[in-house]
Amino acid sequence: AEAQPAAGSGQMESLMLSTTGEFGPILFVV
């Protein structure tokens, strides 16, 4: 988990919906 860039940086992910686990955890969980 990386720290999100600060607002105004032009590279901040949406506050509305986010996901984690795509690189492997989702496969292990299922």
PDB file of all heavy atoms in Angstrom:
ATOM      1  N   ALA A   1       0.849  -1.192   0.000  1.00  0.00           N
ATOM      2  CA  ALA A   1       0.000   0.000   0.000  1.00  0.00           C
ATOM      3  C   ALA A   1       0.880   1.235   0.000  1.00  0.00           C
ATOM      4  O   ALA A   1       1.717   1.424   0.886  1.00  0.00           O
ATOM      5  CB  ALA A   1      -0.910   0.001   1.222  1.00  0.00           C
ATOM      6  N   GLU A   2       0.717   2.063  -1.005  1.00  0.00           N
ATOM      7  CA  GLU A   2       1.495   3.290  -1.110  1.00  0.00           C
ATOM      8  C   GLU A   2       0.669   4.474  -0.633  1.00  0.00           C
ATOM      9  O   GLU A   2      -0.550   4.509  -0.799  1.00  0.00           O
ATOM     10  CB  GLU A   2       1.929   3.525  -2.568  1.00  0.00           C
ATOM     11  CG  GLU A   2       2.757   2.392  -3.153  1.00  0.00           C
ATOM     12  CD  GLU A   2       4.160   2.341  -2.596  1.00  0.00           C
ATOM     13  OE1 GLU A   2       4.571   3.326  -1.948  1.00  0.00           O
ATOM     14  OE2 GLU A   2       4.854   1.337  -2.811  1.00  0.00           O
ATOM     15  N   ALA A   3       1.340   5.451  -0.069  1.00  0.00           N
ATOM     16  CA  ALA A   3       0.646   6.672   0.327  1.00  0.00           C
ATOM     17  C   ALA A   3       0.119   7.385  -0.911  1.00  0.00           C
ATOM     18  O   ALA A   3       0.806   7.461  -1.930  1.00  0.00           O
ATOM     19  CB  ALA A   3       1.594   7.590   1.101  1.00  0.00           C
ATOM     20  N   GLN A   4      -1.106   7.900  -0.830  1.00  0.00           N
ATOM     21  CA  GLN A   4      -1.691   8.603  -1.956  1.00  0.00           C
ATOM     22  C   GLN A   4      -1.043   9.973  -2.108  1.00  0.00           C
ATOM     23  O   GLN A   4      -0.751  10.655  -1.116  1.00  0.00           O
ATOM     24  CB  GLN A   4      -3.200   8.778  -1.748  1.00  0.00           C
ATOM     25  CG  GLN A   4      -3.951   7.462  -1.711  1.00  0.00           C
ATOM     26  CD  GLN A   4      -3.874   6.751  -3.049  1.00  0.00           C
ATOM     27  OE1 GLN A   4      -4.071   7.356  -4.098  1.00  0.00           O
ATOM     28  NE2 GLN A   4      -3.575   5.476  -3.019  1.00  0.00           N
ATOM     29  N   PRO A   5      -0.806  10.423  -3.335  1.00  0.00           N
ATOM     30  CA  PRO A   5      -0.265  11.759  -3.555  1.00  0.00           C
ATOM     31  C   PRO A   5      -1.207  12.814  -2.988  1.00  0.00           C
ATOM     32  O   PRO A   5      -2.407  12.607  -2.887  1.00  0.00           O
ATOM     33  CB  PRO A   5      -0.163  11.863  -5.077  1.00  0.00           C
ATOM     34  CG  PRO A   5      -0.171  10.448  -5.566  1.00  0.00           C
ATOM     35  CD  PRO A   5      -1.002   9.691  -4.579  1.00  0.00           C
ATOM     36  N   ALA A   6      -0.649  13.945  -2.641  1.00  0.00           N
ATOM     37  CA  ALA A   6      -1.438  15.021  -2.067  1.00  0.00           C
ATOM     38  C   ALA A   6      -2.337  15.651  -3.116  1.00  0.00           C
ATOM     39  O   ALA A   6      -2.048  15.609  -4.309  1.00  0.00           O
ATOM     40  CB  ALA A   6      -0.518  16.086  -1.464  1.00  0.00           C
ATOM     41  N   ALA A   7      -3.439  16.245  -2.664  1.00  0.00           N
ATOM     42  CA  ALA A   7      -4.335  16.942  -3.571  1.00  0.00           C
ATOM     43  C   ALA A   7      -3.579  18.053  -4.284  1.00  0.00           C
ATOM     44  O   ALA A   7      -2.739  18.729  -3.702  1.00  0.00           O
ATOM     45  CB  ALA A   7      -5.521  17.528  -2.798  1.00  0.00           C
ATOM     46  N   GLY A   8      -3.893  18.234  -5.556  1.00  0.00           N
ATOM     47  CA  GLY A   8      -3.229  19.261  -6.329  1.00  0.00           C
ATOM     48  C   GLY A   8      -2.021  18.770  -7.073  1.00  0.00           C
ATOM     49  O   GLY A   8      -1.425  19.488  -7.867  1.00  0.00           O
ATOM     50  N   SER A   9      -1.618  17.515  -6.838  1.00  0.00           N
ATOM     51  CA  SER A   9      -0.430  16.988  -7.501  1.00  0.00           C
ATOM     52  C   SER A   9      -0.718  16.553  -8.926  1.00  0.00           C
ATOM     53  O   SER A   9       0.195  16.306  -9.694  1.00  0.00           O
ATOM     54  CB  SER A   9       0.111  15.782  -6.721  1.00  0.00           C
ATOM     55  OG  SER A   9      -0.801  14.706  -6.801  1.00  0.00           O
ATOM     56  N   GLY A  10      -2.016  16.402  -9.270  1.00  0.00           N
ATOM     57  CA  GLY A  10      -2.361  15.912 -10.594  1.00  0.00           C
ATOM     58  C   GLY A  10      -2.335  14.399 -10.666  1.00  0.00           C
ATOM     59  O   GLY A  10      -2.594  13.824 -11.701  1.00  0.00           O
ATOM     60  N   GLN A  11      -2.007  13.732  -9.552  1.00  0.00           N
ATOM     61  CA  GLN A  11      -1.939  12.275  -9.562  1.00  0.00           C
ATOM     62  C   GLN A  11      -2.568  11.711  -8.299  1.00  0.00           C
ATOM     63  O   GLN A  11      -2.009  10.879  -7.604  1.00  0.00           O
ATOM     64  CB  GLN A  11      -0.489  11.802  -9.667  1.00  0.00           C
ATOM     65  CG  GLN A  11       0.144  12.165 -10.993  1.00  0.00           C
ATOM     66  CD  GLN A  11       1.319  11.277 -11.313  1.00  0.00           C
ATOM     67  OE1 GLN A  11       1.881  10.628 -10.456  1.00  0.00           O
ATOM     68  NE2 GLN A  11       1.687  11.239 -12.564  1.00  0.00           N
ATOM     69  N   MET A  12      -3.776  12.154  -8.010  1.00  0.00           N
ATOM     70  CA  MET A  12      -4.484  11.683  -6.825  1.00  0.00           C
ATOM     71  C   MET A  12      -5.636  10.793  -7.235  1.00  0.00           C
ATOM     72  O   MET A  12      -6.416  11.159  -8.095  1.00  0.00           O
ATOM     73  CB  MET A  12      -5.018  12.870  -6.023  1.00  0.00           C
ATOM     74  CG  MET A  12      -5.714  12.472  -4.739  1.00  0.00           C
ATOM     75  SD  MET A  12      -6.181  13.903  -3.780  1.00  0.00           S
ATOM     76  CE  MET A  12      -6.896  13.127  -2.345  1.00  0.00           C
ATOM     77  N   GLU A  13      -5.747   9.633  -6.636  1.00  0.00           N
ATOM     78  CA  GLU A  13      -6.827   8.725  -7.015  1.00  0.00           C
ATOM     79  C   GLU A  13      -8.145   9.204  -6.425  1.00  0.00           C
ATOM     80  O   GLU A  13      -8.188   9.898  -5.429  1.00  0.00           O
ATOM     81  CB  GLU A  13      -6.522   7.314  -6.524  1.00  0.00           C
ATOM     82  CG  GLU A  13      -7.484   6.304  -7.075  1.00  0.00           C
ATOM     83  CD  GLU A  13      -6.982   4.887  -6.932  1.00  0.00           C
ATOM     84  OE1 GLU A  13      -5.973   4.691  -6.273  1.00  0.00           O
ATOM     85  OE2 GLU A  13      -7.641   3.984  -7.474  1.00  0.00           O
ATOM     86  N   SER A  14      -9.229   8.822  -7.060  1.00  0.00           N
ATOM     87  CA  SER A  14     -10.557   9.257  -6.644  1.00  0.00           C
ATOM     88  C   SER A  14     -10.848   8.899  -5.198  1.00  0.00           C
ATOM     89  O   SER A  14     -10.457   7.851  -4.708  1.00  0.00           O
ATOM     90  CB  SER A  14     -11.606   8.605  -7.543  1.00  0.00           C
ATOM     91  OG  SER A  14     -12.889   8.818  -7.032  1.00  0.00           O
ATOM     92  N   LEU A  15     -11.560   9.796  -4.517  1.00  0.00           N
ATOM     93  CA  LEU A  15     -11.997   9.522  -3.159  1.00  0.00           C
ATOM     94  C   LEU A  15     -13.247   8.659  -3.128  1.00  0.00           C
ATOM     95  O   LEU A  15     -13.679   8.219  -2.080  1.00  0.00           O
ATOM     96  CB  LEU A  15     -12.292  10.849  -2.442  1.00  0.00           C
ATOM     97  CG  LEU A  15     -11.101  11.785  -2.231  1.00  0.00           C
ATOM     98  CD1 LEU A  15     -11.584  13.051  -1.559  1.00  0.00           C
ATOM     99  CD2 LEU A  15     -10.028  11.122  -1.412  1.00  0.00           C
ATOM    100  N   MET A  16     -13.870   8.426  -4.272  1.00  0.00           N
ATOM    101  CA  MET A  16     -15.172   7.806  -4.276  1.00  0.00           C
ATOM    102  C   MET A  16     -15.132   6.282  -4.188  1.00  0.00           C
ATOM    103  O   MET A  16     -15.922   5.660  -3.521  1.00  0.00           O
ATOM    104  CB  MET A  16     -15.933   8.222  -5.545  1.00  0.00           C
ATOM    105  CG  MET A  16     -16.178   9.729  -5.615  1.00  0.00           C
ATOM    106  SD  MET A  16     -16.953  10.369  -4.132  1.00  0.00           S
ATOM    107  CE  MET A  16     -18.484   9.481  -4.173  1.00  0.00           C
ATOM    108  N   LEU A  17     -14.247   5.628  -4.908  1.00  0.00           N
ATOM    109  CA  LEU A  17     -14.233   4.176  -4.955  1.00  0.00           C
ATOM    110  C   LEU A  17     -12.835   3.714  -5.281  1.00  0.00           C
ATOM    111  O   LEU A  17     -12.211   4.201  -6.217  1.00  0.00           O
ATOM    112  CB  LEU A  17     -15.209   3.687  -6.033  1.00  0.00           C
ATOM    113  CG  LEU A  17     -15.256   2.183  -6.314  1.00  0.00           C
ATOM    114  CD1 LEU A  17     -15.786   1.434  -5.099  1.00  0.00           C
ATOM    115  CD2 LEU A  17     -16.141   1.900  -7.519  1.00  0.00           C
ATOM    116  N   SER A  18     -12.310   2.791  -4.502  1.00  0.00           N
ATOM    117  CA  SER A  18     -10.972   2.273  -4.780  1.00  0.00           C
ATOM    118  C   SER A  18     -10.938   0.793  -4.452  1.00  0.00           C
ATOM    119  O   SER A  18     -11.752   0.282  -3.697  1.00  0.00           O
ATOM    120  CB  SER A  18      -9.902   3.028  -3.978  1.00  0.00           C
ATOM    121  OG  SER A  18     -10.085   2.819  -2.592  1.00  0.00           O
ATOM    122  N   THR A  19      -9.975   0.105  -5.052  1.00  0.00           N
ATOM    123  CA  THR A  19      -9.837  -1.332  -4.863  1.00  0.00           C
ATOM    124  C   THR A  19      -8.391  -1.680  -4.580  1.00  0.00           C
ATOM    125  O   THR A  19      -7.471  -0.951  -4.945  1.00  0.00           O
ATOM    126  CB  THR A  19     -10.291  -2.096  -6.125  1.00  0.00           C
ATOM    127  OG1 THR A  19      -9.477  -1.696  -7.235  1.00  0.00           O
ATOM    128  CG2 THR A  19     -11.744  -1.822  -6.444  1.00  0.00           C
ATOM    129  N   THR A  20      -8.202  -2.811  -3.937  1.00  0.00           N
ATOM    130  CA  THR A  20      -6.870  -3.379  -3.768  1.00  0.00           C
ATOM    131  C   THR A  20      -6.983  -4.885  -3.984  1.00  0.00           C
ATOM    132  O   THR A  20      -8.073  -5.449  -3.965  1.00  0.00           O
ATOM    133  CB  THR A  20      -6.305  -3.127  -2.351  1.00  0.00           C
ATOM    134  OG1 THR A  20      -7.154  -3.784  -1.394  1.00  0.00           O
ATOM    135  CG2 THR A  20      -6.241  -1.647  -2.031  1.00  0.00           C
ATOM    136  N   GLY A  21      -5.851  -5.513  -4.208  1.00  0.00           N
ATOM    137  CA  GLY A  21      -5.837  -6.963  -4.299  1.00  0.00           C
ATOM    138  C   GLY A  21      -5.676  -7.525  -5.688  1.00  0.00           C
ATOM    139  O   GLY A  21      -5.646  -8.741  -5.865  1.00  0.00           O
ATOM    140  N   GLU A  22      -5.536  -6.657  -6.703  1.00  0.00           N
ATOM    141  CA  GLU A  22      -5.489  -7.159  -8.070  1.00  0.00           C
ATOM    142  C   GLU A  22      -4.243  -7.988  -8.376  1.00  0.00           C
ATOM    143  O   GLU A  22      -4.268  -8.853  -9.250  1.00  0.00           O
ATOM    144  CB  GLU A  22      -5.556  -5.989  -9.066  1.00  0.00           C
ATOM    145  CG  GLU A  22      -6.885  -5.278  -9.094  1.00  0.00           C
ATOM    146  CD  GLU A  22      -6.982  -4.100  -8.154  1.00  0.00           C
ATOM    147  OE1 GLU A  22      -6.142  -4.019  -7.219  1.00  0.00           O
ATOM    148  OE2 GLU A  22      -7.873  -3.258  -8.324  1.00  0.00           O
ATOM    149  N   PHE A  23      -3.139  -7.752  -7.693  1.00  0.00           N
ATOM    150  CA  PHE A  23      -1.880  -8.409  -8.047  1.00  0.00           C
ATOM    151  C   PHE A  23      -1.736  -9.820  -7.490  1.00  0.00           C
ATOM    152  O   PHE A  23      -0.711 -10.448  -7.672  1.00  0.00           O
ATOM    153  CB  PHE A  23      -0.693  -7.555  -7.588  1.00  0.00           C
ATOM    154  CG  PHE A  23      -0.521  -6.308  -8.389  1.00  0.00           C
ATOM    155  CD1 PHE A  23      -0.934  -5.085  -7.898  1.00  0.00           C
ATOM    156  CD2 PHE A  23       0.023  -6.351  -9.648  1.00  0.00           C
ATOM    157  CE1 PHE A  23      -0.790  -3.934  -8.646  1.00  0.00           C
ATOM    158  CE2 PHE A  23       0.169  -5.204 -10.407  1.00  0.00           C
ATOM    159  CZ  PHE A  23      -0.242  -3.994  -9.900  1.00  0.00           C
ATOM    160  N   GLY A  24      -2.710 -10.317  -6.821  1.00  0.00           N
ATOM    161  CA  GLY A  24      -2.597 -11.672  -6.297  1.00  0.00           C
ATOM    162  C   GLY A  24      -3.590 -12.001  -5.201  1.00  0.00           C
ATOM    163  O   GLY A  24      -4.178 -13.086  -5.204  1.00  0.00           O
ATOM    164  N   PRO A  25      -3.803 -11.096  -4.235  1.00  0.00           N
ATOM    165  CA  PRO A  25      -4.721 -11.423  -3.142  1.00  0.00           C
ATOM    166  C   PRO A  25      -6.099 -11.870  -3.588  1.00  0.00           C
ATOM    167  O   PRO A  25      -6.675 -12.780  -2.987  1.00  0.00           O
ATOM    168  CB  PRO A  25      -4.781 -10.104  -2.348  1.00  0.00           C
ATOM    169  CG  PRO A  25      -3.439  -9.495  -2.562  1.00  0.00           C
ATOM    170  CD  PRO A  25      -3.068  -9.833  -3.977  1.00  0.00           C
ATOM    171  N   ILE A  26      -6.649 -11.262  -4.640  1.00  0.00           N
ATOM    172  CA  ILE A  26      -7.986 -11.664  -5.067  1.00  0.00           C
ATOM    173  C   ILE A  26      -7.994 -13.119  -5.520  1.00  0.00           C
ATOM    174  O   ILE A  26      -8.946 -13.860  -5.284  1.00  0.00           O
ATOM    175  CB  ILE A  26      -8.508 -10.733  -6.183  1.00  0.00           C
ATOM    176  CG1 ILE A  26      -9.979 -11.049  -6.476  1.00  0.00           C
ATOM    177  CG2 ILE A  26      -7.674 -10.841  -7.455  1.00  0.00           C
ATOM    178  CD1 ILE A  26     -10.618 -10.075  -7.442  1.00  0.00           C
ATOM    179  N   LEU A  27      -6.898 -13.576  -6.140  1.00  0.00           N
ATOM    180  CA  LEU A  27      -6.813 -14.968  -6.588  1.00  0.00           C
ATOM    181  C   LEU A  27      -6.704 -15.910  -5.392  1.00  0.00           C
ATOM    182  O   LEU A  27      -7.340 -16.964  -5.356  1.00  0.00           O
ATOM    183  CB  LEU A  27      -5.618 -15.146  -7.523  1.00  0.00           C
ATOM    184  CG  LEU A  27      -5.627 -14.294  -8.796  1.00  0.00           C
ATOM    185  CD1 LEU A  27      -4.354 -14.539  -9.608  1.00  0.00           C
ATOM    186  CD2 LEU A  27      -6.855 -14.597  -9.636  1.00  0.00           C
ATOM    187  N   PHE A  28      -5.875 -15.539  -4.418  1.00  0.00           N
ATOM    188  CA  PHE A  28      -5.731 -16.374  -3.216  1.00  0.00           C
ATOM    189  C   PHE A  28      -7.042 -16.460  -2.446  1.00  0.00           C
ATOM    190  O   PHE A  28      -7.427 -17.535  -1.951  1.00  0.00           O
ATOM    191  CB  PHE A  28      -4.627 -15.823  -2.310  1.00  0.00           C
ATOM    192  CG  PHE A  28      -3.245 -16.024  -2.839  1.00  0.00           C
ATOM    193  CD1 PHE A  28      -2.526 -14.968  -3.354  1.00  0.00           C
ATOM    194  CD2 PHE A  28      -2.652 -17.288  -2.821  1.00  0.00           C
ATOM    195  CE1 PHE A  28      -1.244 -15.151  -3.855  1.00  0.00           C
ATOM    196  CE2 PHE A  28      -1.371 -17.485  -3.313  1.00  0.00           C
ATOM    197  CZ  PHE A  28      -0.671 -16.414  -3.839  1.00  0.00           C
ATOM    198  N   VAL A  29      -7.733 -15.329  -2.307  1.00  0.00           N
ATOM    199  CA  VAL A  29      -8.989 -15.300  -1.556  1.00  0.00           C
ATOM    200  C   VAL A  29     -10.010 -16.241  -2.184  1.00  0.00           C
ATOM    201  O   VAL A  29     -10.632 -17.063  -1.504  1.00  0.00           O
ATOM    202  CB  VAL A  29      -9.542 -13.861  -1.483  1.00  0.00           C
ATOM    203  CG1 VAL A  29     -11.000 -13.863  -1.035  1.00  0.00           C
ATOM    204  CG2 VAL A  29      -8.711 -13.019  -0.534  1.00  0.00           C
ATOM    205  N   VAL A  30     -10.188 -16.129  -3.508  1.00  0.00           N
ATOM    206  CA  VAL A  30     -11.187 -16.962  -4.171  1.00  0.00           C
ATOM    207  C   VAL A  30     -10.808 -18.436  -4.082  1.00  0.00           C
ATOM    208  O   VAL A  30     -11.657 -19.287  -3.762  1.00  0.00           O
ATOM    209  CB  VAL A  30     -11.366 -16.533  -5.636  1.00  0.00           C
ATOM    210  CG1 VAL A  30     -12.235 -17.536  -6.391  1.00  0.00           C
ATOM    211  CG2 VAL A  30     -12.007 -15.141  -5.702  1.00  0.00           C
TER     212      VAL A  30
END
